Amino acid sequence: MITHPPMESPLLNYVQNKPDVETPLRKLKRERLKGRGGDVYISPRAKATPRATDHFDLTVKVQEFLASDRKVFLLLGDSGAGKSTFNRALEISLWDNYRMNGRIPLFIHLPEIEKLERDLVAERLRK
């Protein structure tokens, strides 16, 4: 028996009253990628703990994490160490590789959120 993936089309989604999320996502992707410059970005080296002596490429570790079933990846560092810069570069990389119905990359810079008790994702998407 041959099985085919479920049929997806904008018309079928409309008839079935499925919301169109891909059109706003394409707009968000264009907006986020528009801001990237031609600057050279070098992935930071990191350590598993502050006392560890072995360093690793942070981008490689994060990609391994994203490919796994794990849910939490904690990134700690001093002010100015490059955490936000790394995460902005990661967001751009994830948008570059975004596929329809895939995970949606969303960088939320907490200092920009007025009231943290609100829904962070909804707040970021409104901006």
PDB file of N, CA and C in Angstrom:
ATOM      1  N   MET A   1       0.832  -1.171   0.000  1.00  0.00           N
ATOM      2  CA  MET A   1       0.000   0.000   0.000  1.00  0.00           C
ATOM      3  C   MET A   1       0.885   1.245   0.000  1.00  0.00           C
ATOM      4  N   ILE A   2       0.597   2.158  -0.888  1.00  0.00           N
ATOM      5  CA  ILE A   2       1.358   3.398  -0.995  1.00  0.00           C
ATOM      6  C   ILE A   2       0.598   4.489  -0.249  1.00  0.00           C
ATOM      7  N   THR A   3       1.311   5.173   0.633  1.00  0.00           N
ATOM      8  CA  THR A   3       0.684   6.300   1.333  1.00  0.00           C
ATOM      9  C   THR A   3       1.374   7.577   0.906  1.00  0.00           C
ATOM     10  N   HIS A   4       0.609   8.625   0.828  1.00  0.00           N
ATOM     11  CA  HIS A   4       1.126   9.933   0.436  1.00  0.00           C
ATOM     12  C   HIS A   4       0.967  10.889   1.608  1.00  0.00           C
ATOM     13  N   PRO A   5       1.858  11.868   1.706  1.00  0.00           N
ATOM     14  CA  PRO A   5       1.689  12.849   2.777  1.00  0.00           C
ATOM     15  C   PRO A   5       0.380  13.612   2.570  1.00  0.00           C
ATOM     16  N   PRO A   6      -0.195  14.154   3.630  1.00  0.00           N
ATOM     17  CA  PRO A   6      -1.434  14.899   3.477  1.00  0.00           C
ATOM     18  C   PRO A   6      -1.244  16.060   2.516  1.00  0.00           C
ATOM     19  N   MET A   7      -2.260  16.296   1.728  1.00  0.00           N
ATOM     20  CA  MET A   7      -2.208  17.359   0.740  1.00  0.00           C
ATOM     21  C   MET A   7      -2.264  18.719   1.429  1.00  0.00           C
ATOM     22  N   GLU A   8      -1.389  19.621   1.055  1.00  0.00           N
ATOM     23  CA  GLU A   8      -1.370  20.975   1.599  1.00  0.00           C
ATOM     24  C   GLU A   8      -1.470  21.949   0.446  1.00  0.00           C
ATOM     25  N   SER A   9      -2.403  22.851   0.528  1.00  0.00           N
ATOM     26  CA  SER A   9      -2.488  23.924  -0.448  1.00  0.00           C
ATOM     27  C   SER A   9      -3.202  25.090   0.209  1.00  0.00           C
ATOM     28  N   PRO A  10      -2.920  26.317  -0.239  1.00  0.00           N
ATOM     29  CA  PRO A  10      -3.597  27.471   0.347  1.00  0.00           C
ATOM     30  C   PRO A  10      -5.120  27.387   0.200  1.00  0.00           C
ATOM     31  N   LEU A  11      -5.596  26.906  -0.959  1.00  0.00           N
ATOM     32  CA  LEU A  11      -7.039  26.795  -1.173  1.00  0.00           C
ATOM     33  C   LEU A  11      -7.656  25.773  -0.223  1.00  0.00           C
ATOM     34  N   LEU A  12      -7.012  24.611  -0.082  1.00  0.00           N
ATOM     35  CA  LEU A  12      -7.514  23.577   0.826  1.00  0.00           C
ATOM     36  C   LEU A  12      -7.522  24.090   2.269  1.00  0.00           C
ATOM     37  N   ASN A  13      -6.474  24.774   2.664  1.00  0.00           N
ATOM     38  CA  ASN A  13      -6.428  25.346   4.012  1.00  0.00           C
ATOM     39  C   ASN A  13      -7.543  26.364   4.224  1.00  0.00           C
ATOM     40  N   TYR A  14      -7.813  27.176   3.195  1.00  0.00           N
ATOM     41  CA  TYR A  14      -8.879  28.173   3.290  1.00  0.00           C
ATOM     42  C   TYR A  14     -10.234  27.500   3.456  1.00  0.00           C
ATOM     43  N   VAL A  15     -10.494  26.491   2.643  1.00  0.00           N
ATOM     44  CA  VAL A  15     -11.767  25.770   2.705  1.00  0.00           C
ATOM     45  C   VAL A  15     -11.929  25.096   4.065  1.00  0.00           C
ATOM     46  N   GLN A  16     -10.838  24.599   4.628  1.00  0.00           N
ATOM     47  CA  GLN A  16     -10.888  23.923   5.924  1.00  0.00           C
ATOM     48  C   GLN A  16     -10.745  24.907   7.092  1.00  0.00           C
ATOM     49  N   ASN A  17     -10.768  26.197   6.792  1.00  0.00           N
ATOM     50  CA  ASN A  17     -10.647  27.259   7.800  1.00  0.00           C
ATOM     51  C   ASN A  17      -9.354  27.186   8.607  1.00  0.00           C
ATOM     52  N   LYS A  18      -8.297  26.720   7.980  1.00  0.00           N
ATOM     53  CA  LYS A  18      -6.995  26.727   8.647  1.00  0.00           C
ATOM     54  C   LYS A  18      -6.383  28.113   8.478  1.00  0.00           C
ATOM     55  N   PRO A  19      -5.864  28.685   9.547  1.00  0.00           N
ATOM     56  CA  PRO A  19      -5.258  30.012   9.405  1.00  0.00           C
ATOM     57  C   PRO A  19      -3.970  29.930   8.581  1.00  0.00           C
ATOM     58  N   ASP A  20      -3.749  30.965   7.792  1.00  0.00           N
ATOM     59  CA  ASP A  20      -2.520  31.046   7.000  1.00  0.00           C
ATOM     60  C   ASP A  20      -1.435  31.662   7.870  1.00  0.00           C
ATOM     61  N   VAL A  21      -0.497  30.856   8.304  1.00  0.00           N
ATOM     62  CA  VAL A  21       0.600  31.382   9.114  1.00  0.00           C
ATOM     63  C   VAL A  21       1.865  31.579   8.290  1.00  0.00           C
ATOM     64  N   GLU A  22       1.947  30.927   7.152  1.00  0.00           N
ATOM     65  CA  GLU A  22       3.173  31.014   6.361  1.00  0.00           C
ATOM     66  C   GLU A  22       3.364  32.393   5.737  1.00  0.00           C
ATOM     67  N   THR A  23       2.285  33.058   5.326  1.00  0.00           N
ATOM     68  CA  THR A  23       2.430  34.391   4.733  1.00  0.00           C
ATOM     69  C   THR A  23       3.004  35.379   5.744  1.00  0.00           C
ATOM     70  N   PRO A  24       2.445  35.473   6.965  1.00  0.00           N
ATOM     71  CA  PRO A  24       3.082  36.368   7.943  1.00  0.00           C
ATOM     72  C   PRO A  24       4.500  35.926   8.318  1.00  0.00           C
ATOM     73  N   LEU A  25       4.749  34.611   8.309  1.00  0.00           N
ATOM     74  CA  LEU A  25       6.100  34.138   8.621  1.00  0.00           C
ATOM     75  C   LEU A  25       7.095  34.544   7.543  1.00  0.00           C
ATOM     76  N   ARG A  26       6.680  34.504   6.275  1.00  0.00           N
ATOM     77  CA  ARG A  26       7.575  34.955   5.197  1.00  0.00           C
ATOM     78  C   ARG A  26       7.904  36.438   5.374  1.00  0.00           C
ATOM     79  N   LYS A  27       6.890  37.222   5.774  1.00  0.00           N
ATOM     80  CA  LYS A  27       7.110  38.651   6.016  1.00  0.00           C
ATOM     81  C   LYS A  27       8.077  38.847   7.184  1.00  0.00           C
ATOM     82  N   LEU A  28       7.869  38.103   8.264  1.00  0.00           N
ATOM     83  CA  LEU A  28       8.758  38.188   9.424  1.00  0.00           C
ATOM     84  C   LEU A  28      10.179  37.781   9.047  1.00  0.00           C
ATOM     85  N   LYS A  29      10.309  36.734   8.251  1.00  0.00           N
ATOM     86  CA  LYS A  29      11.631  36.273   7.812  1.00  0.00           C
ATOM     87  C   LYS A  29      12.332  37.369   7.011  1.00  0.00           C
ATOM     88  N   ARG A  30      11.613  37.984   6.057  1.00  0.00           N
ATOM     89  CA  ARG A  30      12.211  39.063   5.256  1.00  0.00           C
ATOM     90  C   ARG A  30      12.668  40.211   6.156  1.00  0.00           C
ATOM     91  N   GLU A  31      11.810  40.565   7.126  1.00  0.00           N
ATOM     92  CA  GLU A  31      12.135  41.657   8.046  1.00  0.00           C
ATOM     93  C   GLU A  31      13.384  41.343   8.863  1.00  0.00           C
ATOM     94  N   ARG A  32      13.460  40.141   9.409  1.00  0.00           N
ATOM     95  CA  ARG A  32      14.596  39.763  10.248  1.00  0.00           C
ATOM     96  C   ARG A  32      15.882  39.645   9.426  1.00  0.00           C
ATOM     97  N   LEU A  33      15.793  39.122   8.203  1.00  0.00           N
ATOM     98  CA  LEU A  33      16.995  38.957   7.389  1.00  0.00           C
ATOM     99  C   LEU A  33      17.435  40.273   6.762  1.00  0.00           C
ATOM    100  N   LYS A  34      16.513  41.219   6.622  1.00  0.00           N
ATOM    101  CA  LYS A  34      16.838  42.519   6.055  1.00  0.00           C
ATOM    102  C   LYS A  34      17.847  43.257   6.931  1.00  0.00           C
ATOM    103  N   GLY A  35      17.773  43.056   8.230  1.00  0.00           N
ATOM    104  CA  GLY A  35      18.633  43.765   9.164  1.00  0.00           C
ATOM    105  C   GLY A  35      20.064  43.277   9.216  1.00  0.00           C
ATOM    106  N   ARG A  36      20.340  42.140   8.602  1.00  0.00           N
ATOM    107  CA  ARG A  36      21.713  41.627   8.715  1.00  0.00           C
ATOM    108  C   ARG A  36      22.637  42.410   7.793  1.00  0.00           C
ATOM    109  N   GLY A  37      23.815  42.616   8.276  1.00  0.00           N
ATOM    110  CA  GLY A  37      24.791  43.359   7.496  1.00  0.00           C
ATOM    111  C   GLY A  37      25.802  42.423   6.872  1.00  0.00           C
ATOM    112  N   GLY A  38      26.796  43.000   6.271  1.00  0.00           N
ATOM    113  CA  GLY A  38      27.847  42.212   5.661  1.00  0.00           C
ATOM    114  C   GLY A  38      29.003  41.965   6.612  1.00  0.00           C
ATOM    115  N   ASP A  39      28.754  42.196   7.895  1.00  0.00           N
ATOM    116  CA  ASP A  39      29.809  42.017   8.888  1.00  0.00           C
ATOM    117  C   ASP A  39      30.240  40.556   8.973  1.00  0.00           C
ATOM    118  N   VAL A  40      31.488  40.370   9.317  1.00  0.00           N
ATOM    119  CA  VAL A  40      32.011  39.023   9.536  1.00  0.00           C
ATOM    120  C   VAL A  40      31.657  38.624  10.962  1.00  0.00           C
ATOM    121  N   TYR A  41      31.080  37.448  11.119  1.00  0.00           N
ATOM    122  CA  TYR A  41      30.721  36.965  12.449  1.00  0.00           C
ATOM    123  C   TYR A  41      31.523  35.711  12.740  1.00  0.00           C
ATOM    124  N   ILE A  42      32.172  35.689  13.885  1.00  0.00           N
ATOM    125  CA  ILE A  42      32.946  34.524  14.304  1.00  0.00           C
ATOM    126  C   ILE A  42      32.244  33.918  15.506  1.00  0.00           C
ATOM    127  N   SER A  43      31.881  32.655  15.392  1.00  0.00           N
ATOM    128  CA  SER A  43      31.181  31.969  16.472  1.00  0.00           C
ATOM    129  C   SER A  43      32.047  31.929  17.722  1.00  0.00           C
ATOM    130  N   PRO A  44      31.450  32.226  18.873  1.00  0.00           N
ATOM    131  CA  PRO A  44      32.247  32.222  20.106  1.00  0.00           C
ATOM    132  C   PRO A  44      32.641  30.828  20.564  1.00  0.00           C
ATOM    133  N   ARG A  45      33.711  30.783  21.312  1.00  0.00           N
ATOM    134  CA  ARG A  45      34.142  29.557  21.978  1.00  0.00           C
ATOM    135  C   ARG A  45      33.510  29.589  23.365  1.00  0.00           C
ATOM    136  N   ALA A  46      33.128  28.439  23.882  1.00  0.00           N
ATOM    137  CA  ALA A  46      32.444  28.382  25.174  1.00  0.00           C
ATOM    138  C   ALA A  46      32.998  27.244  26.017  1.00  0.00           C
ATOM    139  N   LYS A  47      32.574  27.228  27.280  1.00  0.00           N
ATOM    140  CA  LYS A  47      32.949  26.153  28.205  1.00  0.00           C
ATOM    141  C   LYS A  47      31.676  25.629  28.853  1.00  0.00           C
ATOM    142  N   ALA A  48      31.687  24.357  29.235  1.00  0.00           N
ATOM    143  CA  ALA A  48      30.517  23.741  29.864  1.00  0.00           C
ATOM    144  C   ALA A  48      30.252  24.328  31.249  1.00  0.00           C
ATOM    145  N   THR A  49      31.300  24.703  31.964  1.00  0.00           N
ATOM    146  CA  THR A  49      31.177  25.323  33.290  1.00  0.00           C
ATOM    147  C   THR A  49      32.249  26.402  33.397  1.00  0.00           C
ATOM    148  N   PRO A  50      32.090  27.340  34.325  1.00  0.00           N
ATOM    149  CA  PRO A  50      33.114  28.388  34.465  1.00  0.00           C
ATOM    150  C   PRO A  50      34.511  27.848  34.762  1.00  0.00           C
ATOM    151  N   ARG A  51      34.597  26.716  35.445  1.00  0.00           N
ATOM    152  CA  ARG A  51      35.912  26.158  35.809  1.00  0.00           C
ATOM    153  C   ARG A  51      36.465  25.171  34.784  1.00  0.00           C
ATOM    154  N   ALA A  52      35.684  24.826  33.787  1.00  0.00           N
ATOM    155  CA  ALA A  52      36.145  23.859  32.778  1.00  0.00           C
ATOM    156  C   ALA A  52      37.328  24.441  32.009  1.00  0.00           C
ATOM    157  N   THR A  53      38.200  23.561  31.552  1.00  0.00           N
ATOM    158  CA  THR A  53      39.359  24.009  30.777  1.00  0.00           C
ATOM    159  C   THR A  53      39.161  23.785  29.282  1.00  0.00           C
ATOM    160  N   ASP A  54      38.290  22.853  28.922  1.00  0.00           N
ATOM    161  CA  ASP A  54      38.038  22.562  27.506  1.00  0.00           C
ATOM    162  C   ASP A  54      37.046  23.563  26.921  1.00  0.00           C
ATOM    163  N   HIS A  55      37.405  24.125  25.763  1.00  0.00           N
ATOM    164  CA  HIS A  55      36.527  25.044  25.047  1.00  0.00           C
ATOM    165  C   HIS A  55      35.927  24.324  23.839  1.00  0.00           C
ATOM    166  N   PHE A  56      34.760  24.790  23.400  1.00  0.00           N
ATOM    167  CA  PHE A  56      34.114  24.226  22.212  1.00  0.00           C
ATOM    168  C   PHE A  56      33.447  25.351  21.429  1.00  0.00           C
ATOM    169  N   ASP A  57      33.143  25.071  20.168  1.00  0.00           N
ATOM    170  CA  ASP A  57      32.445  26.023  19.309  1.00  0.00           C
ATOM    171  C   ASP A  57      30.979  26.053  19.733  1.00  0.00           C
ATOM    172  N   LEU A  58      30.508  27.207  20.171  1.00  0.00           N
ATOM    173  CA  LEU A  58      29.146  27.323  20.686  1.00  0.00           C
ATOM    174  C   LEU A  58      28.101  27.024  19.611  1.00  0.00           C
ATOM    175  N   THR A  59      28.335  27.453  18.388  1.00  0.00           N
ATOM    176  CA  THR A  59      27.368  27.204  17.317  1.00  0.00           C
ATOM    177  C   THR A  59      27.168  25.713  17.101  1.00  0.00           C
ATOM    178  N   VAL A  60      28.239  24.953  17.112  1.00  0.00           N
ATOM    179  CA  VAL A  60      28.140  23.501  16.925  1.00  0.00           C
ATOM    180  C   VAL A  60      27.316  22.882  18.048  1.00  0.00           C
ATOM    181  N   LYS A  61      27.582  23.283  19.294  1.00  0.00           N
ATOM    182  CA  LYS A  61      26.836  22.731  20.439  1.00  0.00           C
ATOM    183  C   LYS A  61      25.350  23.080  20.352  1.00  0.00           C
ATOM    184  N   VAL A  62      25.042  24.301  19.950  1.00  0.00           N
ATOM    185  CA  VAL A  62      23.634  24.703  19.848  1.00  0.00           C
ATOM    186  C   VAL A  62      22.945  23.934  18.725  1.00  0.00           C
ATOM    187  N   GLN A  63      23.625  23.737  17.603  1.00  0.00           N
ATOM    188  CA  GLN A  63      23.029  22.952  16.509  1.00  0.00           C
ATOM    189  C   GLN A  63      22.768  21.517  16.962  1.00  0.00           C
ATOM    190  N   GLU A  64      23.687  20.939  17.721  1.00  0.00           N
ATOM    191  CA  GLU A  64      23.472  19.589  18.270  1.00  0.00           C
ATOM    192  C   GLU A  64      22.267  19.585  19.203  1.00  0.00           C
ATOM    193  N   PHE A  65      22.160  20.621  20.027  1.00  0.00           N
ATOM    194  CA  PHE A  65      21.024  20.732  20.942  1.00  0.00           C
ATOM    195  C   PHE A  65      19.711  20.816  20.167  1.00  0.00           C
ATOM    196  N   LEU A  66      19.676  21.655  19.133  1.00  0.00           N
ATOM    197  CA  LEU A  66      18.448  21.822  18.353  1.00  0.00           C
ATOM    198  C   LEU A  66      18.041  20.540  17.635  1.00  0.00           C
ATOM    199  N   ALA A  67      19.009  19.708  17.301  1.00  0.00           N
ATOM    200  CA  ALA A  67      18.712  18.433  16.633  1.00  0.00           C
ATOM    201  C   ALA A  67      18.289  17.352  17.628  1.00  0.00           C
ATOM    202  N   SER A  68      18.440  17.629  18.913  1.00  0.00           N
ATOM    203  CA  SER A  68      18.117  16.635  19.940  1.00  0.00           C
ATOM    204  C   SER A  68      16.688  16.833  20.454  1.00  0.00           C
ATOM    205  N   ASP A  69      16.298  15.992  21.391  1.00  0.00           N
ATOM    206  CA  ASP A  69      14.985  16.106  22.030  1.00  0.00           C
ATOM    207  C   ASP A  69      15.033  16.944  23.304  1.00  0.00           C
ATOM    208  N   ARG A  70      16.191  17.443  23.641  1.00  0.00           N
ATOM    209  CA  ARG A  70      16.322  18.234  24.868  1.00  0.00           C
ATOM    210  C   ARG A  70      15.537  19.540  24.741  1.00  0.00           C
ATOM    211  N   LYS A  71      15.092  20.071  25.869  1.00  0.00           N
ATOM    212  CA  LYS A  71      14.216  21.251  25.869  1.00  0.00           C
ATOM    213  C   LYS A  71      14.877  22.534  26.362  1.00  0.00           C
ATOM    214  N   VAL A  72      15.944  22.426  27.152  1.00  0.00           N
ATOM    215  CA  VAL A  72      16.540  23.619  27.762  1.00  0.00           C
ATOM    216  C   VAL A  72      18.029  23.682  27.453  1.00  0.00           C
ATOM    217  N   PHE A  73      18.475  24.858  27.010  1.00  0.00           N
ATOM    218  CA  PHE A  73      19.890  25.131  26.790  1.00  0.00           C
ATOM    219  C   PHE A  73      20.157  26.473  27.454  1.00  0.00           C
ATOM    220  N   LEU A  74      20.917  26.487  28.513  1.00  0.00           N
ATOM    221  CA  LEU A  74      21.181  27.707  29.268  1.00  0.00           C
ATOM    222  C   LEU A  74      22.519  28.292  28.843  1.00  0.00           C
ATOM    223  N   LEU A  75      22.485  29.546  28.432  1.00  0.00           N
ATOM    224  CA  LEU A  75      23.685  30.252  27.996  1.00  0.00           C
ATOM    225  C   LEU A  75      23.951  31.382  28.988  1.00  0.00           C
ATOM    226  N   LEU A  76      25.041  31.265  29.727  1.00  0.00           N
ATOM    227  CA  LEU A  76      25.414  32.269  30.724  1.00  0.00           C
ATOM    228  C   LEU A  76      26.703  32.954  30.297  1.00  0.00           C
ATOM    229  N   GLY A  77      26.843  34.204  30.679  1.00  0.00           N
ATOM    230  CA  GLY A  77      28.082  34.916  30.392  1.00  0.00           C
ATOM    231  C   GLY A  77      28.039  36.311  30.975  1.00  0.00           C
ATOM    232  N   ASP A  78      29.207  36.893  31.137  1.00  0.00           N
ATOM    233  CA  ASP A  78      29.302  38.256  31.654  1.00  0.00           C
ATOM    234  C   ASP A  78      28.664  39.237  30.681  1.00  0.00           C
ATOM    235  N   SER A  79      28.336  40.411  31.185  1.00  0.00           N
ATOM    236  CA  SER A  79      27.810  41.482  30.353  1.00  0.00           C
ATOM    237  C   SER A  79      28.835  41.814  29.269  1.00  0.00           C
ATOM    238  N   GLY A  80      28.384  41.892  28.035  1.00  0.00           N
ATOM    239  CA  GLY A  80      29.283  42.208  26.930  1.00  0.00           C
ATOM    240  C   GLY A  80      30.043  41.022  26.373  1.00  0.00           C
ATOM    241  N   ALA A  81      29.737  39.819  26.860  1.00  0.00           N
ATOM    242  CA  ALA A  81      30.458  38.624  26.407  1.00  0.00           C
ATOM    243  C   ALA A  81      30.020  38.165  25.018  1.00  0.00           C
ATOM    244  N   GLY A  82      28.872  38.651  24.538  1.00  0.00           N
ATOM    245  CA  GLY A  82      28.425  38.286  23.194  1.00  0.00           C
ATOM    246  C   GLY A  82      27.211  37.375  23.145  1.00  0.00           C
ATOM    247  N   LYS A  83      26.491  37.236  24.243  1.00  0.00           N
ATOM    248  CA  LYS A  83      25.312  36.350  24.272  1.00  0.00           C
ATOM    249  C   LYS A  83      24.238  36.830  23.297  1.00  0.00           C
ATOM    250  N   SER A  84      23.905  38.116  23.341  1.00  0.00           N
ATOM    251  CA  SER A  84      22.875  38.657  22.445  1.00  0.00           C
ATOM    252  C   SER A  84      23.336  38.619  20.999  1.00  0.00           C
ATOM    253  N   THR A  85      24.583  38.971  20.757  1.00  0.00           N
ATOM    254  CA  THR A  85      25.122  38.927  19.395  1.00  0.00           C
ATOM    255  C   THR A  85      25.064  37.508  18.853  1.00  0.00           C
ATOM    256  N   PHE A  86      25.449  36.538  19.675  1.00  0.00           N
ATOM    257  CA  PHE A  86      25.383  35.137  19.263  1.00  0.00           C
ATOM    258  C   PHE A  86      23.949  34.739  18.926  1.00  0.00           C
ATOM    259  N   ASN A  87      23.010  35.109  19.788  1.00  0.00           N
ATOM    260  CA  ASN A  87      21.622  34.704  19.566  1.00  0.00           C
ATOM    261  C   ASN A  87      20.995  35.396  18.362  1.00  0.00           C
ATOM    262  N   ARG A  88      21.386  36.625  18.085  1.00  0.00           N
ATOM    263  CA  ARG A  88      20.906  37.288  16.860  1.00  0.00           C
ATOM    264  C   ARG A  88      21.465  36.580  15.624  1.00  0.00           C
ATOM    265  N   ALA A  89      22.739  36.223  15.666  1.00  0.00           N
ATOM    266  CA  ALA A  89      23.346  35.491  14.546  1.00  0.00           C
ATOM    267  C   ALA A  89      22.695  34.119  14.390  1.00  0.00           C
ATOM    268  N   LEU A  90      22.387  33.480  15.500  1.00  0.00           N
ATOM    269  CA  LEU A  90      21.708  32.183  15.456  1.00  0.00           C
ATOM    270  C   LEU A  90      20.329  32.326  14.826  1.00  0.00           C
ATOM    271  N   GLU A  91      19.589  33.367  15.207  1.00  0.00           N
ATOM    272  CA  GLU A  91      18.264  33.582  14.625  1.00  0.00           C
ATOM    273  C   GLU A  91      18.363  33.740  13.109  1.00  0.00           C
ATOM    274  N   ILE A  92      19.321  34.523  12.644  1.00  0.00           N
ATOM    275  CA  ILE A  92      19.495  34.721  11.203  1.00  0.00           C
ATOM    276  C   ILE A  92      19.827  33.400  10.518  1.00  0.00           C
ATOM    277  N   SER A  93      20.713  32.630  11.118  1.00  0.00           N
ATOM    278  CA  SER A  93      21.068  31.324  10.558  1.00  0.00           C
ATOM    279  C   SER A  93      19.851  30.406  10.485  1.00  0.00           C
ATOM    280  N   LEU A  94      19.041  30.412  11.535  1.00  0.00           N
ATOM    281  CA  LEU A  94      17.845  29.561  11.545  1.00  0.00           C
ATOM    282  C   LEU A  94      16.820  30.036  10.522  1.00  0.00           C
ATOM    283  N   TRP A  95      16.681  31.355  10.334  1.00  0.00           N
ATOM    284  CA  TRP A  95      15.779  31.851   9.294  1.00  0.00           C
ATOM    285  C   TRP A  95      16.293  31.459   7.910  1.00  0.00           C
ATOM    286  N   ASP A  96      17.602  31.528   7.713  1.00  0.00           N
ATOM    287  CA  ASP A  96      18.173  31.119   6.421  1.00  0.00           C
ATOM    288  C   ASP A  96      17.809  29.678   6.082  1.00  0.00           C
ATOM    289  N   ASN A  97      17.683  28.844   7.101  1.00  0.00           N
ATOM    290  CA  ASN A  97      17.397  27.421   6.896  1.00  0.00           C
ATOM    291  C   ASN A  97      15.946  27.051   7.181  1.00  0.00           C
ATOM    292  N   TYR A  98      15.072  28.046   7.380  1.00  0.00           N
ATOM    293  CA  TYR A  98      13.668  27.774   7.713  1.00  0.00           C
ATOM    294  C   TYR A  98      12.961  27.069   6.562  1.00  0.00           C
ATOM    295  N   ARG A  99      12.183  26.072   6.903  1.00  0.00           N
ATOM    296  CA  ARG A  99      11.349  25.343   5.944  1.00  0.00           C
ATOM    297  C   ARG A  99       9.903  25.429   6.406  1.00  0.00           C
ATOM    298  N   MET A 100       8.997  25.467   5.459  1.00  0.00           N
ATOM    299  CA  MET A 100       7.570  25.566   5.763  1.00  0.00           C
ATOM    300  C   MET A 100       7.162  24.531   6.808  1.00  0.00           C
ATOM    301  N   ASN A 101       6.389  24.963   7.778  1.00  0.00           N
ATOM    302  CA  ASN A 101       5.891  24.138   8.883  1.00  0.00           C
ATOM    303  C   ASN A 101       6.996  23.693   9.837  1.00  0.00           C
ATOM    304  N   GLY A 102       8.159  24.305   9.740  1.00  0.00           N
ATOM    305  CA  GLY A 102       9.256  23.958  10.643  1.00  0.00           C
ATOM    306  C   GLY A 102       9.222  24.818  11.895  1.00  0.00           C
ATOM    307  N   ARG A 103      10.252  24.677  12.701  1.00  0.00           N
ATOM    308  CA  ARG A 103      10.383  25.513  13.898  1.00  0.00           C
ATOM    309  C   ARG A 103      10.558  26.963  13.479  1.00  0.00           C
ATOM    310  N   ILE A 104       9.967  27.853  14.244  1.00  0.00           N
ATOM    311  CA  ILE A 104      10.021  29.280  13.937  1.00  0.00           C
ATOM    312  C   ILE A 104      11.067  29.941  14.838  1.00  0.00           C
ATOM    313  N   PRO A 105      12.140  30.479  14.244  1.00  0.00           N
ATOM    314  CA  PRO A 105      13.142  31.153  15.072  1.00  0.00           C
ATOM    315  C   PRO A 105      12.622  32.512  15.533  1.00  0.00           C
ATOM    316  N   LEU A 106      12.781  32.803  16.792  1.00  0.00           N
ATOM    317  CA  LEU A 106      12.290  34.067  17.328  1.00  0.00           C
ATOM    318  C   LEU A 106      13.228  34.532  18.436  1.00  0.00           C
ATOM    319  N   PHE A 107      13.954  35.609  18.177  1.00  0.00           N
ATOM    320  CA  PHE A 107      14.854  36.188  19.170  1.00  0.00           C
ATOM    321  C   PHE A 107      14.063  37.199  19.990  1.00  0.00           C
ATOM    322  N   ILE A 108      14.010  37.003  21.293  1.00  0.00           N
ATOM    323  CA  ILE A 108      13.313  37.927  22.189  1.00  0.00           C
ATOM    324  C   ILE A 108      14.362  38.569  23.090  1.00  0.00           C
ATOM    325  N   HIS A 109      14.576  39.868  22.911  1.00  0.00           N
ATOM    326  CA  HIS A 109      15.536  40.612  23.716  1.00  0.00           C
ATOM    327  C   HIS A 109      14.787  41.144  24.932  1.00  0.00           C
ATOM    328  N   LEU A 110      14.978  40.508  26.082  1.00  0.00           N
ATOM    329  CA  LEU A 110      14.179  40.801  27.276  1.00  0.00           C
ATOM    330  C   LEU A 110      14.166  42.272  27.693  1.00  0.00           C
ATOM    331  N   PRO A 111      15.282  43.019  27.592  1.00  0.00           N
ATOM    332  CA  PRO A 111      15.210  44.433  27.985  1.00  0.00           C
ATOM    333  C   PRO A 111      14.222  45.256  27.147  1.00  0.00           C
ATOM    334  N   GLU A 112      13.851  44.778  25.956  1.00  0.00           N
ATOM    335  CA  GLU A 112      12.899  45.501  25.115  1.00  0.00           C
ATOM    336  C   GLU A 112      11.449  45.243  25.515  1.00  0.00           C
ATOM    337  N   ILE A 113      11.198  44.246  26.343  1.00  0.00           N
ATOM    338  CA  ILE A 113       9.840  43.908  26.750  1.00  0.00           C
ATOM    339  C   ILE A 113       9.449  44.810  27.918  1.00  0.00           C
ATOM    340  N   GLU A 114       8.316  45.514  27.766  1.00  0.00           N
ATOM    341  CA  GLU A 114       7.899  46.468  28.793  1.00  0.00           C
ATOM    342  C   GLU A 114       7.515  45.785  30.100  1.00  0.00           C
ATOM    343  N   LYS A 115       6.668  44.784  30.020  1.00  0.00           N
ATOM    344  CA  LYS A 115       6.217  44.079  31.223  1.00  0.00           C
ATOM    345  C   LYS A 115       6.440  42.596  31.013  1.00  0.00           C
ATOM    346  N   LEU A 116       7.369  42.036  31.764  1.00  0.00           N
ATOM    347  CA  LEU A 116       7.746  40.639  31.564  1.00  0.00           C
ATOM    348  C   LEU A 116       6.639  39.653  31.900  1.00  0.00           C
ATOM    349  N   GLU A 117       5.642  40.068  32.675  1.00  0.00           N
ATOM    350  CA  GLU A 117       4.591  39.115  33.010  1.00  0.00           C
ATOM    351  C   GLU A 117       3.644  38.872  31.830  1.00  0.00           C
ATOM    352  N   ARG A 118       3.739  39.671  30.782  1.00  0.00           N
ATOM    353  CA  ARG A 118       2.912  39.459  29.597  1.00  0.00           C
ATOM    354  C   ARG A 118       3.475  38.318  28.765  1.00  0.00           C
ATOM    355  N   ASP A 119       2.707  37.938  27.779  1.00  0.00           N
ATOM    356  CA  ASP A 119       3.133  36.867  26.884  1.00  0.00           C
ATOM    357  C   ASP A 119       4.285  37.370  26.013  1.00  0.00           C
ATOM    358  N   LEU A 120       5.482  36.849  26.225  1.00  0.00           N
ATOM    359  CA  LEU A 120       6.675  37.329  25.525  1.00  0.00           C
ATOM    360  C   LEU A 120       6.601  37.129  24.019  1.00  0.00           C
ATOM    361  N   VAL A 121       6.112  35.988  23.581  1.00  0.00           N
ATOM    362  CA  VAL A 121       6.056  35.708  22.145  1.00  0.00           C
ATOM    363  C   VAL A 121       5.070  36.652  21.472  1.00  0.00           C
ATOM    364  N   ALA A 122       3.889  36.802  22.031  1.00  0.00           N
ATOM    365  CA  ALA A 122       2.890  37.705  21.446  1.00  0.00           C
ATOM    366  C   ALA A 122       3.412  39.137  21.418  1.00  0.00           C
ATOM    367  N   GLU A 123       4.079  39.552  22.483  1.00  0.00           N
ATOM    368  CA  GLU A 123       4.645  40.898  22.545  1.00  0.00           C
ATOM    369  C   GLU A 123       5.676  41.101  21.435  1.00  0.00           C
ATOM    370  N   ARG A 124       6.542  40.131  21.223  1.00  0.00           N
ATOM    371  CA  ARG A 124       7.584  40.243  20.187  1.00  0.00           C
ATOM    372  C   ARG A 124       6.975  40.249  18.795  1.00  0.00           C
ATOM    373  N   LEU A 125       5.973  39.430  18.560  1.00  0.00           N
ATOM    374  CA  LEU A 125       5.360  39.361  17.237  1.00  0.00           C
ATOM    375  C   LEU A 125       4.592  40.636  16.905  1.00  0.00           C
ATOM    376  N   ARG A 126       4.101  41.348  17.907  1.00  0.00           N
ATOM    377  CA  ARG A 126       3.384  42.601  17.663  1.00  0.00           C
ATOM    378  C   ARG A 126       4.319  43.700  17.184  1.00  0.00           C
ATOM    379  N   LYS A 127       5.594  43.633  17.530  1.00  0.00           N
ATOM    380  CA  LYS A 127       6.546  44.701  17.172  1.00  0.00           C
ATOM    381  C   LYS A 127       6.936  44.651  15.725  1.00  0.00           C
TER     382      LYS A 127
END
